[in-house]
Amino acid sequence: MGKSGPLKAKVDRLEKKIAAKGASLDAGKRRVLHKKLKRFQRAWRTALVLEKRLADRVKGGKTAPADKPSGTAPVAAKASEEKSSGAAPAAEATEEKPSGAAPDVATPAT
């Protein structure tokens, strides 16, 4: 992928060419130039996004996205929900054993 500067220059040159020639271009040539313009514009936008992402990583390090909270956030959110809803935390603390599990009985050492 190229840098955004040269790609923007290509976009500008092609827009200028299309504007200058305008209606005098035959339909096939106009269609080809328009397709090239759209491709260059897409490549330019993609390069801008990639450069911005790279600059963010270099500047501030990799940060967690806003929509994905860190590992401790759900626990804190769950605790605050329990306090506000009045749910008993003991109900969640009990573990259910599978029906075929052995009972919790201490066996004497032999």
Protein backbone atom coordinates (compact mmCIF):
# COMPACT_ATOMS: atom_id res chain seq x y z
CA MET A 1 0.00 0.00 0.00
CA GLY A 2 1.31 3.43 -0.90
CA LYS A 3 1.54 6.53 1.21
CA SER A 4 -1.47 8.80 1.35
CA GLY A 5 0.39 11.82 -0.11
CA PRO A 6 1.22 10.35 -3.54
CA LEU A 7 -2.20 8.69 -3.72
CA LYS A 8 -3.89 12.03 -3.04
CA ALA A 9 -1.79 13.56 -5.83
CA LYS A 10 -3.00 10.85 -8.22
CA VAL A 11 -6.60 11.50 -7.19
CA ASP A 12 -6.17 15.25 -7.72
CA ARG A 13 -4.55 14.82 -11.16
CA LEU A 14 -7.24 12.44 -12.33
CA GLU A 15 -10.05 14.70 -11.06
CA LYS A 16 -8.43 17.61 -12.87
CA LYS A 17 -8.15 15.57 -16.09
CA ILE A 18 -11.79 14.48 -15.90
CA ALA A 19 -12.93 18.05 -15.21
CA ALA A 20 -10.84 19.49 -18.05
CA LYS A 21 -11.83 16.96 -20.70
CA GLY A 22 -15.37 16.61 -19.41
CA ALA A 23 -17.98 15.88 -22.03
CA SER A 24 -15.47 15.72 -24.88
CA LEU A 25 -14.30 12.28 -23.71
CA ASP A 26 -15.96 9.30 -25.31
CA ALA A 27 -18.10 7.15 -23.01
CA GLY A 28 -15.63 4.27 -22.74
CA LYS A 29 -12.69 6.49 -21.81
CA ARG A 30 -14.82 8.44 -19.30
CA ARG A 31 -15.95 5.18 -17.70
CA VAL A 32 -12.36 3.92 -17.39
CA LEU A 33 -11.14 7.20 -15.90
CA HIS A 34 -14.03 7.26 -13.44
CA LYS A 35 -13.23 3.68 -12.33
CA LYS A 36 -9.56 4.61 -11.87
CA LEU A 37 -10.58 7.66 -9.86
CA LYS A 38 -12.77 5.60 -7.53
CA ARG A 39 -9.98 3.03 -7.04
CA PHE A 40 -7.44 5.75 -6.24
CA GLN A 41 -9.87 7.39 -3.81
CA ARG A 42 -10.47 4.08 -2.02
CA ALA A 43 -6.73 3.39 -1.83
CA TRP A 44 -6.13 6.91 -0.50
CA ARG A 45 -8.78 6.55 2.22
CA THR A 46 -7.38 3.15 3.20
CA ALA A 47 -3.85 4.55 3.39
CA LEU A 48 -5.07 7.39 5.62
CA VAL A 49 -6.70 4.94 8.02
CA LEU A 50 -3.60 2.73 8.14
CA GLU A 51 -1.30 5.70 8.73
CA LYS A 52 -3.55 6.99 11.50
CA ARG A 53 -3.64 3.55 13.14
CA LEU A 54 0.16 3.32 12.95
CA ALA A 55 0.56 6.81 14.42
CA ASP A 56 -1.77 5.95 17.30
CA ARG A 57 0.20 2.79 18.11
CA VAL A 58 3.51 4.61 18.02
CA LYS A 59 2.28 7.63 19.99
CA GLY A 60 0.29 6.10 22.80
CA GLY A 61 0.90 2.42 22.67
CA LYS A 62 -1.83 -0.08 21.96
CA THR A 63 -5.01 0.82 23.80
CA ALA A 64 -8.15 -1.23 24.30
CA PRO A 65 -11.00 -0.30 21.95
CA ALA A 66 -13.89 1.59 23.48
CA ASP A 67 -16.44 -1.13 22.73
CA LYS A 68 -14.36 -3.88 24.37
CA PRO A 69 -13.75 -3.23 28.08
CA SER A 70 -10.68 -4.53 29.84
CA GLY A 71 -10.77 -7.77 31.85
CA THR A 72 -11.55 -6.09 35.18
CA ALA A 73 -14.39 -3.90 33.96
CA PRO A 74 -17.09 -6.62 33.75
CA VAL A 75 -16.41 -7.73 37.32
CA ALA A 76 -16.75 -4.16 38.60
CA ALA A 77 -19.89 -3.63 36.55
CA LYS A 78 -21.40 -6.88 37.84
CA ALA A 79 -20.65 -5.92 41.46
CA SER A 80 -22.26 -2.51 41.01
CA GLU A 81 -25.34 -4.15 39.48
CA GLU A 82 -25.65 -6.48 42.47
CA LYS A 83 -25.52 -3.56 44.89
CA SER A 84 -28.12 -1.62 42.96
CA SER A 85 -30.47 -4.57 42.39
CA GLY A 86 -30.23 -5.93 45.92
CA ALA A 87 -29.45 -9.47 44.75
CA ALA A 88 -27.91 -11.76 47.30
CA PRO A 89 -24.26 -12.44 46.41
CA ALA A 90 -24.42 -15.76 48.29
CA ALA A 91 -26.80 -17.16 45.68
CA GLU A 92 -24.17 -16.74 42.99
CA ALA A 93 -21.36 -18.02 45.19
CA THR A 94 -22.88 -21.48 45.62
CA GLU A 95 -21.58 -24.01 43.17
CA GLU A 96 -23.76 -26.68 41.72
CA LYS A 97 -22.26 -30.14 41.63
CA PRO A 98 -23.02 -32.53 38.81
CA SER A 99 -25.53 -35.20 39.79
CA GLY A 100 -22.95 -38.00 39.52
CA ALA A 101 -20.29 -36.24 41.62
CA ALA A 102 -19.03 -37.77 44.83
CA PRO A 103 -20.18 -36.13 48.07
CA ASP A 104 -17.78 -33.82 49.92
CA VAL A 105 -16.87 -36.19 52.72
CA ALA A 106 -13.44 -36.29 54.24
CA THR A 107 -12.02 -39.78 54.00
CA PRO A 108 -9.90 -40.91 56.92
CA ALA A 109 -6.23 -41.39 56.15
CA THR A 110 -5.16 -45.03 56.33
